Protein backbone atom coordinates (compact mmCIF):
# COMPACT_ATOMS: atom_id res chain seq x y z
CA MET A 1 15.54 -0.69 8.86
CA SER A 2 12.05 -1.47 7.69
CA PHE A 3 9.89 0.75 5.50
CA PHE A 4 6.79 0.45 7.64
CA GLU A 5 5.90 0.54 11.31
CA ILE A 6 2.83 -1.63 11.74
CA ILE A 7 0.45 -0.91 14.59
CA ASP A 8 -2.03 -3.72 15.07
CA ASN A 9 -5.22 -2.24 16.48
CA LYS A 10 -8.35 -3.99 17.70
CA ASP A 11 -10.94 -5.50 15.37
CA HIS A 12 -8.60 -6.23 12.44
CA THR A 13 -7.66 -2.56 12.04
CA VAL A 14 -4.04 -1.82 11.10
CA THR A 15 -2.19 1.49 11.00
CA ILE A 16 0.94 1.65 8.84
CA ASN A 17 3.42 4.45 9.46
CA ILE A 18 5.81 4.99 6.57
CA LYS A 19 9.28 5.39 8.06
CA LYS A 20 11.59 5.77 5.05
CA PRO A 21 11.66 7.91 1.93
CA LEU A 22 9.84 6.03 -0.82
CA THR A 23 12.19 6.56 -3.74
CA PHE A 24 13.85 4.32 -6.31
CA LYS A 25 17.13 4.61 -4.41
CA THR A 26 15.67 3.27 -1.16
CA ILE A 27 13.26 0.73 -2.66
CA HIS A 28 15.41 -1.09 -5.23
CA ASN A 29 17.90 -2.52 -2.71
CA SER A 30 15.40 -3.78 -0.17
CA GLU A 31 12.47 -6.09 0.25
CA PRO A 32 9.31 -4.06 0.91
CA LEU A 33 7.24 -6.88 -0.64
CA HIS A 34 8.15 -9.09 2.32
CA GLU A 35 6.84 -6.40 4.68
CA ILE A 36 3.63 -6.10 2.64
CA SER A 37 3.04 -9.86 2.84
CA HIS A 38 3.50 -9.63 6.63
CA ILE A 39 0.77 -6.96 6.78
CA LYS A 40 -1.52 -9.07 4.61
CA SER A 41 -1.08 -12.04 6.97
CA LYS A 42 -2.83 -10.00 9.68
CA ASN A 43 -6.05 -10.11 7.59
CA PRO A 44 -6.94 -6.46 8.19
CA ARG A 45 -10.43 -5.19 7.45
CA SER A 46 -9.34 -1.57 7.61
CA VAL A 47 -5.91 -0.05 6.95
CA THR A 48 -4.72 3.50 7.56
CA ILE A 49 -1.45 4.50 5.90
CA ASN A 50 0.13 7.43 7.72
CA CYS A 51 2.53 9.38 5.49
CA SER A 52 3.54 12.04 8.07
CA SER A 53 7.08 10.65 8.53
CA MET A 54 7.72 10.06 4.83
CA ALA A 55 10.62 12.34 3.90
CA SER A 56 10.43 11.96 0.12
CA ILE A 57 8.55 10.14 -2.63
CA ASP A 58 8.95 9.55 -6.36
CA SER A 59 7.01 7.51 -8.91
CA CYS A 60 8.49 4.25 -7.55
CA GLY A 61 7.25 5.15 -4.08
CA LEU A 62 3.81 6.01 -5.43
CA SER A 63 3.69 2.60 -7.11
CA LEU A 64 4.71 0.94 -3.84
CA ILE A 65 1.90 2.72 -1.97
CA ASN A 66 -0.62 1.70 -4.63
CA LEU A 67 0.64 -1.89 -4.43
CA LEU A 68 0.37 -1.75 -0.64
CA LYS A 69 -3.22 -0.52 -0.86
CA LYS A 70 -4.20 -3.34 -3.21
CA ALA A 71 -2.11 -6.17 -1.75
CA VAL A 72 -3.21 -6.02 1.88
CA GLY A 73 -6.74 -6.97 0.89
CA ALA A 74 -8.52 -4.67 3.35
CA LYS A 75 -12.09 -3.55 2.70
CA THR A 76 -11.12 0.06 3.40
CA THR A 77 -7.74 1.71 2.99
CA LYS A 78 -7.08 5.39 3.60
CA LEU A 79 -4.04 7.62 3.41
CA THR A 80 -3.41 10.31 6.01
CA GLU A 81 -1.05 13.26 6.18
CA THR A 82 0.17 13.04 2.60
CA THR A 83 2.73 15.51 1.29
CA GLU A 84 2.26 18.01 -1.51
CA LYS A 85 4.68 16.04 -3.69
CA PHE A 86 2.68 12.85 -3.12
CA ASP A 87 -0.55 14.66 -4.02
CA LYS A 88 0.99 16.02 -7.24
CA LEU A 89 2.38 12.63 -8.29
CA ASN A 90 -0.91 10.93 -7.47
CA ALA A 91 -2.90 13.49 -9.46
CA LEU A 92 -0.56 13.08 -12.43
CA TYR A 93 -0.77 9.28 -12.31
CA VAL A 94 -4.55 9.19 -11.89
CA SER A 95 -5.23 11.72 -14.65
CA ASN A 96 -2.87 9.95 -17.10
CA HIS A 97 -4.27 6.51 -16.25
CA HIS A 98 -7.85 7.76 -16.64
CA HIS A 99 -6.98 9.41 -19.98
CA GLU A 100 -5.33 6.23 -21.33
CA ASN A 101 -8.30 4.05 -20.36
CA ASN A 102 -10.79 6.37 -22.06
CA HIS A 103 -8.91 6.25 -25.38
CA LYS A 104 -8.56 2.48 -25.81
């Protein structure tokens, strides 16, 4: 079973529905990078990542989403229907990353 359902819209717009929990347990035994390269091959200008079906997420899943956002090469990428746990992890990562960069 794949991690993502890819809906190819008109005008190089792609919607990605996350279908599996994004946790270390589900990610480490699979090949989500192959799926990401498939999305990139569509040359999207705009990508929407829909998190409504994502059952769970941990720091590995957050890293995978950040990789997905960067790797597809779209001009605009937005996340929709994120969970509270995702928002908390993202806030923790962003605040720590910002703090580390300001003290170098």
